[in-house]
PDB file of N, CA and C in Angstrom:
ATOM      1  N   MET A   1     -35.357  80.788  60.796  1.00  0.00           N
ATOM      2  CA  MET A   1     -35.995  80.156  61.571  1.00  0.00           C
ATOM      3  C   MET A   1     -35.626  80.174  62.808  1.00  0.00           C
ATOM      4  N   THR A   2     -36.669  80.828  63.868  1.00  0.00           N
ATOM      5  CA  THR A   2     -36.411  80.755  65.110  1.00  0.00           C
ATOM      6  C   THR A   2     -35.925  79.556  65.553  1.00  0.00           C
ATOM      7  N   GLU A   3     -35.776  79.018  66.787  1.00  0.00           N
ATOM      8  CA  GLU A   3     -35.298  77.495  67.719  1.00  0.00           C
ATOM      9  C   GLU A   3     -37.377  76.588  67.582  1.00  0.00           C
ATOM     10  N   GLU A   4     -37.620  78.178  67.845  1.00  0.00           N
ATOM     11  CA  GLU A   4     -39.629  77.718  68.024  1.00  0.00           C
ATOM     12  C   GLU A   4     -40.309  77.038  67.203  1.00  0.00           C
ATOM     13  N   SER A   5     -39.813  77.703  65.910  1.00  0.00           N
ATOM     14  CA  SER A   5     -40.300  77.428  65.302  1.00  0.00           C
ATOM     15  C   SER A   5     -39.889  75.757  64.712  1.00  0.00           C
ATOM     16  N   ALA A   6     -39.836  75.705  64.970  1.00  0.00           N
ATOM     17  CA  ALA A   6     -38.010  74.592  64.188  1.00  0.00           C
ATOM     18  C   ALA A   6     -39.161  73.566  65.198  1.00  0.00           C
ATOM     19  N   ARG A   7     -39.027  73.739  66.759  1.00  0.00           N
ATOM     20  CA  ARG A   7     -39.540  72.212  67.640  1.00  0.00           C
ATOM     21  C   ARG A   7     -40.578  72.254  67.226  1.00  0.00           C
ATOM     22  N   ASN A   8     -41.448  73.084  66.509  1.00  0.00           N
ATOM     23  CA  ASN A   8     -43.213  72.548  65.926  1.00  0.00           C
ATOM     24  C   ASN A   8     -42.866  72.410  65.074  1.00  0.00           C
ATOM     25  N   THR A   9     -42.287  72.634  63.897  1.00  0.00           N
ATOM     26  CA  THR A   9     -41.625  72.285  62.658  1.00  0.00           C
ATOM     27  C   THR A   9     -42.489  70.321  62.809  1.00  0.00           C
ATOM     28  N   ALA A  10     -41.125  70.485  64.345  1.00  0.00           N
ATOM     29  CA  ALA A  10     -41.139  69.051  64.306  1.00  0.00           C
ATOM     30  C   ALA A  10     -41.954  67.884  64.439  1.00  0.00           C
ATOM     31  N   ASN A  11     -42.215  68.870  65.624  1.00  0.00           N
ATOM     32  CA  ASN A  11     -43.048  68.142  66.731  1.00  0.00           C
ATOM     33  C   ASN A  11     -44.992  67.845  65.244  1.00  0.00           C
ATOM     34  N   VAL A  12     -44.439  68.595  64.058  1.00  0.00           N
ATOM     35  CA  VAL A  12     -46.373  67.640  63.395  1.00  0.00           C
ATOM     36  C   VAL A  12     -45.845  66.815  62.111  1.00  0.00           C
ATOM     37  N   LEU A  13     -44.166  67.678  62.300  1.00  0.00           N
ATOM     38  CA  LEU A  13     -44.043  66.346  61.536  1.00  0.00           C
ATOM     39  C   LEU A  13     -43.892  64.858  62.145  1.00  0.00           C
ATOM     40  N   ILE A  14     -43.451  64.878  63.547  1.00  0.00           N
ATOM     41  CA  ILE A  14     -43.317  63.872  64.449  1.00  0.00           C
ATOM     42  C   ILE A  14     -44.744  62.885  64.356  1.00  0.00           C
ATOM     43  N   ALA A  15     -45.717  63.874  65.137  1.00  0.00           N
ATOM     44  CA  ALA A  15     -46.817  63.470  64.673  1.00  0.00           C
ATOM     45  C   ALA A  15     -48.023  62.898  63.848  1.00  0.00           C
ATOM     46  N   ALA A  16     -47.191  63.401  62.449  1.00  0.00           N
ATOM     47  CA  ALA A  16     -48.018  62.847  61.666  1.00  0.00           C
ATOM     48  C   ALA A  16     -47.416  61.976  60.809  1.00  0.00           C
ATOM     49  N   ALA A  17     -45.770  61.743  61.216  1.00  0.00           N
ATOM     50  CA  ALA A  17     -45.115  59.846  60.660  1.00  0.00           C
ATOM     51  C   ALA A  17     -45.940  58.707  61.842  1.00  0.00           C
ATOM     52  N   ALA A  18     -46.524  59.114  62.952  1.00  0.00           N
ATOM     53  CA  ALA A  18     -46.387  58.612  64.114  1.00  0.00           C
ATOM     54  C   ALA A  18     -48.557  58.009  63.923  1.00  0.00           C
ATOM     55  N   LEU A  19     -49.359  58.705  62.925  1.00  0.00           N
ATOM     56  CA  LEU A  19     -50.023  58.235  62.613  1.00  0.00           C
ATOM     57  C   LEU A  19     -50.068  57.798  61.052  1.00  0.00           C
ATOM     58  N   GLY A  20     -49.470  58.439  60.583  1.00  0.00           N
ATOM     59  CA  GLY A  20     -49.225  57.425  59.106  1.00  0.00           C
ATOM     60  C   GLY A  20     -48.744  56.164  59.694  1.00  0.00           C
ATOM     61  N   ALA A  21     -48.165  56.043  60.389  1.00  0.00           N
ATOM     62  CA  ALA A  21     -47.268  54.277  61.176  1.00  0.00           C
ATOM     63  C   ALA A  21     -48.310  53.759  61.409  1.00  0.00           C
ATOM     64  N   ALA A  22     -49.694  54.173  62.384  1.00  0.00           N
ATOM     65  CA  ALA A  22     -50.502  53.753  63.212  1.00  0.00           C
ATOM     66  C   ALA A  22     -51.655  53.553  62.042  1.00  0.00           C
ATOM     67  N   VAL A  23     -52.383  54.704  61.069  1.00  0.00           N
ATOM     68  CA  VAL A  23     -52.859  53.534  60.137  1.00  0.00           C
ATOM     69  C   VAL A  23     -52.564  52.684  59.056  1.00  0.00           C
ATOM     70  N   ILE A  24     -51.180  52.718  58.763  1.00  0.00           N
ATOM     71  CA  ILE A  24     -51.048  51.462  58.099  1.00  0.00           C
ATOM     72  C   ILE A  24     -50.762  50.322  59.087  1.00  0.00           C
ATOM     73  N   VAL A  25     -50.099  50.507  60.471  1.00  0.00           N
ATOM     74  CA  VAL A  25     -50.884  48.708  60.859  1.00  0.00           C
ATOM     75  C   VAL A  25     -51.987  48.497  61.476  1.00  0.00           C
ATOM     76  N   LEU A  26     -52.634  49.357  61.262  1.00  0.00           N
ATOM     77  CA  LEU A  26     -54.430  49.103  61.738  1.00  0.00           C
ATOM     78  C   LEU A  26     -54.966  47.897  60.305  1.00  0.00           C
ATOM     79  N   ARG A  27     -54.393  48.860  59.010  1.00  0.00           N
ATOM     80  CA  ARG A  27     -55.245  48.804  57.764  1.00  0.00           C
ATOM     81  C   ARG A  27     -54.538  46.662  57.745  1.00  0.00           C
ATOM     82  N   ASN A  28     -53.595  47.072  58.068  1.00  0.00           N
ATOM     83  CA  ASN A  28     -52.805  45.777  57.547  1.00  0.00           C
ATOM     84  C   ASN A  28     -53.003  44.196  59.252  1.00  0.00           C
ATOM     85  N   PRO A  29     -53.924  43.800  59.548  1.00  0.00           N
ATOM     86  CA  PRO A  29     -54.311  42.290  59.472  1.00  0.00           C
ATOM     87  C   PRO A  29     -52.668  41.556  60.385  1.00  0.00           C
ATOM     88  N   LYS A  30     -52.081  41.150  59.813  1.00  0.00           N
ATOM     89  CA  LYS A  30     -50.675  40.782  60.159  1.00  0.00           C
ATOM     90  C   LYS A  30     -50.247  42.090  60.875  1.00  0.00           C
ATOM     91  N   LEU A  31     -49.463  42.722  60.686  1.00  0.00           N
ATOM     92  CA  LEU A  31     -48.668  44.186  61.648  1.00  0.00           C
ATOM     93  C   LEU A  31     -49.578  44.341  62.771  1.00  0.00           C
ATOM     94  N   ARG A  32     -51.021  44.675  62.977  1.00  0.00           N
ATOM     95  CA  ARG A  32     -52.284  44.729  63.923  1.00  0.00           C
ATOM     96  C   ARG A  32     -51.641  43.297  64.599  1.00  0.00           C
ATOM     97  N   ARG A  33     -51.869  42.465  64.759  1.00  0.00           N
ATOM     98  CA  ARG A  33     -51.615  40.711  65.558  1.00  0.00           C
ATOM     99  C   ARG A  33     -50.203  41.034  65.937  1.00  0.00           C
ATOM    100  N   LEU A  34     -48.861  41.529  65.611  1.00  0.00           N
ATOM    101  CA  LEU A  34     -47.988  41.852  65.074  1.00  0.00           C
ATOM    102  C   LEU A  34     -48.046  43.183  66.577  1.00  0.00           C
ATOM    103  N   ALA A  35     -47.615  43.645  66.074  1.00  0.00           N
ATOM    104  CA  ALA A  35     -48.730  45.311  67.469  1.00  0.00           C
ATOM    105  C   ALA A  35     -48.896  44.911  68.863  1.00  0.00           C
ATOM    106  N   TRP A  36     -50.390  44.209  68.560  1.00  0.00           N
ATOM    107  CA  TRP A  36     -50.946  43.229  69.534  1.00  0.00           C
ATOM    108  C   TRP A  36     -50.030  42.670  71.091  1.00  0.00           C
ATOM    109  N   GLN A  37     -49.746  41.651  70.220  1.00  0.00           N
ATOM    110  CA  GLN A  37     -48.051  40.826  70.521  1.00  0.00           C
ATOM    111  C   GLN A  37     -47.294  41.856  71.316  1.00  0.00           C
ATOM    112  N   LEU A  38     -46.963  42.160  70.773  1.00  0.00           N
ATOM    113  CA  LEU A  38     -46.002  43.001  71.368  1.00  0.00           C
ATOM    114  C   LEU A  38     -45.938  43.936  72.689  1.00  0.00           C
ATOM    115  N   ALA A  39     -47.419  44.802  72.460  1.00  0.00           N
ATOM    116  CA  ALA A  39     -47.996  45.398  73.805  1.00  0.00           C
ATOM    117  C   ALA A  39     -48.128  44.592  74.557  1.00  0.00           C
ATOM    118  N   ARG A  40     -48.658  43.929  74.552  1.00  0.00           N
ATOM    119  CA  ARG A  40     -48.602  42.581  75.427  1.00  0.00           C
ATOM    120  C   ARG A  40     -47.493  42.151  76.040  1.00  0.00           C
ATOM    121  N   GLN A  41     -46.144  41.976  75.835  1.00  0.00           N
ATOM    122  CA  GLN A  41     -45.308  41.571  75.940  1.00  0.00           C
ATOM    123  C   GLN A  41     -44.819  42.890  76.930  1.00  0.00           C
ATOM    124  N   TYR A  42     -44.849  43.687  76.311  1.00  0.00           N
ATOM    125  CA  TYR A  42     -44.596  45.099  76.909  1.00  0.00           C
ATOM    126  C   TYR A  42     -45.789  45.149  78.574  1.00  0.00           C
ATOM    127  N   ALA A  43     -46.734  45.048  78.105  1.00  0.00           N
ATOM    128  CA  ALA A  43     -47.467  44.971  79.644  1.00  0.00           C
ATOM    129  C   ALA A  43     -47.070  44.298  80.620  1.00  0.00           C
ATOM    130  N   SER A  44     -46.543  43.509  80.277  1.00  0.00           N
ATOM    131  CA  SER A  44     -45.780  42.253  81.245  1.00  0.00           C
ATOM    132  C   SER A  44     -44.719  41.649  81.656  1.00  0.00           C
ATOM    133  N   GLY A  45     -44.493  42.446  81.233  1.00  0.00           N
ATOM    134  CA  GLY A  45     -42.967  42.667  81.337  1.00  0.00           C
ATOM    135  C   GLY A  45     -42.341  43.844  81.828  1.00  0.00           C
ATOM    136  N   PRO A  46     -41.701  44.695  81.016  1.00  0.00           N
ATOM    137  CA  PRO A  46     -40.867  45.518  81.882  1.00  0.00           C
ATOM    138  C   PRO A  46     -41.787  47.144  82.214  1.00  0.00           C
ATOM    139  N   LEU A  47     -43.643  47.083  81.777  1.00  0.00           N
ATOM    140  CA  LEU A  47     -44.108  48.396  82.203  1.00  0.00           C
ATOM    141  C   LEU A  47     -44.656  47.964  83.449  1.00  0.00           C
ATOM    142  N   PRO A  48     -44.477  47.082  84.209  1.00  0.00           N
ATOM    143  CA  PRO A  48     -45.200  46.341  85.965  1.00  0.00           C
ATOM    144  C   PRO A  48     -43.186  47.014  86.792  1.00  0.00           C
ATOM    145  N   ALA A  49     -42.793  46.478  85.494  1.00  0.00           N
ATOM    146  CA  ALA A  49     -41.125  46.667  86.227  1.00  0.00           C
ATOM    147  C   ALA A  49     -41.101  48.267  87.427  1.00  0.00           C
ATOM    148  N   THR A  50     -41.591  49.033  86.459  1.00  0.00           N
ATOM    149  CA  THR A  50     -41.008  50.382  85.630  1.00  0.00           C
ATOM    150  C   THR A  50     -42.026  50.870  87.189  1.00  0.00           C
ATOM    151  N   VAL A  51     -43.693  50.663  87.023  1.00  0.00           N
ATOM    152  CA  VAL A  51     -44.569  50.657  87.752  1.00  0.00           C
ATOM    153  C   VAL A  51     -43.926  50.671  89.830  1.00  0.00           C
ATOM    154  N   ALA A  52     -43.390  49.382  90.056  1.00  0.00           N
ATOM    155  CA  ALA A  52     -42.830  48.395  90.769  1.00  0.00           C
ATOM    156  C   ALA A  52     -41.809  50.101  91.164  1.00  0.00           C
ATOM    157  N   MET A  53     -41.001  49.869  90.891  1.00  0.00           N
ATOM    158  CA  MET A  53     -40.200  51.135  90.510  1.00  0.00           C
ATOM    159  C   MET A  53     -40.670  52.010  91.334  1.00  0.00           C
ATOM    160  N   THR A  54     -40.920  52.790  90.327  1.00  0.00           N
ATOM    161  CA  THR A  54     -41.517  53.997  90.547  1.00  0.00           C
ATOM    162  C   THR A  54     -41.815  53.860  91.522  1.00  0.00           C
ATOM    163  N   VAL A  55     -43.208  53.274  92.446  1.00  0.00           N
ATOM    164  CA  VAL A  55     -43.746  52.820  94.004  1.00  0.00           C
ATOM    165  C   VAL A  55     -42.258  53.181  94.762  1.00  0.00           C
ATOM    166  N   ARG A  56     -41.718  52.339  94.610  1.00  0.00           N
ATOM    167  CA  ARG A  56     -40.820  51.465  95.256  1.00  0.00           C
ATOM    168  C   ARG A  56     -39.964  53.245  96.219  1.00  0.00           C
ATOM    169  N   ASP A  57     -39.381  53.285  94.852  1.00  0.00           N
ATOM    170  CA  ASP A  57     -38.303  55.229  95.008  1.00  0.00           C
ATOM    171  C   ASP A  57     -39.394  56.529  95.916  1.00  0.00           C
ATOM    172  N   ALA A  58     -41.345  56.198  95.035  1.00  0.00           N
ATOM    173  CA  ALA A  58     -41.617  57.481  95.846  1.00  0.00           C
ATOM    174  C   ALA A  58     -41.931  57.043  97.197  1.00  0.00           C
ATOM    175  N   TRP A  59     -42.016  55.856  97.572  1.00  0.00           N
ATOM    176  CA  TRP A  59     -42.146  54.800  99.002  1.00  0.00           C
ATOM    177  C   TRP A  59     -41.191  56.068 100.220  1.00  0.00           C
ATOM    178  N   ASN A  60     -39.321  55.747  99.364  1.00  0.00           N
ATOM    179  CA  ASN A  60     -39.048  55.629 100.025  1.00  0.00           C
ATOM    180  C   ASN A  60     -38.349  57.310 100.264  1.00  0.00           C
ATOM    181  N   GLU A  61     -38.203  57.761  99.379  1.00  0.00           N
ATOM    182  CA  GLU A  61     -38.669  59.589  99.628  1.00  0.00           C
ATOM    183  C   GLU A  61     -38.984  59.970  99.985  1.00  0.00           C
ATOM    184  N   SER A  62     -40.786  59.157 100.031  1.00  0.00           N
ATOM    185  CA  SER A  62     -41.603  59.693 101.358  1.00  0.00           C
ATOM    186  C   SER A  62     -40.562  60.093 102.147  1.00  0.00           C
ATOM    187  N   GLY A  63     -40.654  58.329 102.934  1.00  0.00           N
ATOM    188  CA  GLY A  63     -40.046  58.415 104.245  1.00  0.00           C
ATOM    189  C   GLY A  63     -38.727  59.010 104.351  1.00  0.00           C
ATOM    190  N   SER A  64     -38.178  58.815 104.435  1.00  0.00           N
ATOM    191  CA  SER A  64     -36.827  60.603 103.894  1.00  0.00           C
ATOM    192  C   SER A  64     -37.477  61.863 104.270  1.00  0.00           C
ATOM    193  N   ALA A  65     -38.339  62.253 103.628  1.00  0.00           N
ATOM    194  CA  ALA A  65     -38.525  63.796 103.592  1.00  0.00           C
ATOM    195  C   ALA A  65     -39.782  64.008 105.130  1.00  0.00           C
ATOM    196  N   ARG A  66     -39.964  62.609 105.579  1.00  0.00           N
ATOM    197  CA  ARG A  66     -40.090  63.146 106.837  1.00  0.00           C
ATOM    198  C   ARG A  66     -39.400  62.822 107.774  1.00  0.00           C
ATOM    199  N   ARG A  67     -38.269  62.385 107.983  1.00  0.00           N
ATOM    200  CA  ARG A  67     -37.175  62.562 108.299  1.00  0.00           C
ATOM    201  C   ARG A  67     -36.493  63.612 109.074  1.00  0.00           C
ATOM    202  N   ALA A  68     -36.745  64.710 107.701  1.00  0.00           N
ATOM    203  CA  ALA A  68     -35.876  65.369 107.023  1.00  0.00           C
ATOM    204  C   ALA A  68     -36.904  67.027 108.408  1.00  0.00           C
ATOM    205  N   ALA A  69     -38.096  66.563 107.942  1.00  0.00           N
ATOM    206  CA  ALA A  69     -38.945  67.657 109.027  1.00  0.00           C
ATOM    207  C   ALA A  69     -38.922  67.362 110.135  1.00  0.00           C
ATOM    208  N   ARG A  70     -38.651  66.351 110.274  1.00  0.00           N
ATOM    209  CA  ARG A  70     -38.179  66.453 111.768  1.00  0.00           C
ATOM    210  C   ARG A  70     -37.352  67.111 113.396  1.00  0.00           C
TER     211      ARG A  70
END
């Protein structure tokens, strides 16, 4: 088995597992509520912090690129 076919097989297996987990979560109301609560917590916590850090880094990099071009 080549490395490429091994990667493709692994990708298919991971996708199938993710789809199976999504079906289980969507069919169970208790798990669906838990998933929604976790998504809201993530969207109000780490996600905005990561976006702000990325924007700040991009802003800083754009300023240093201008100074280097002069």
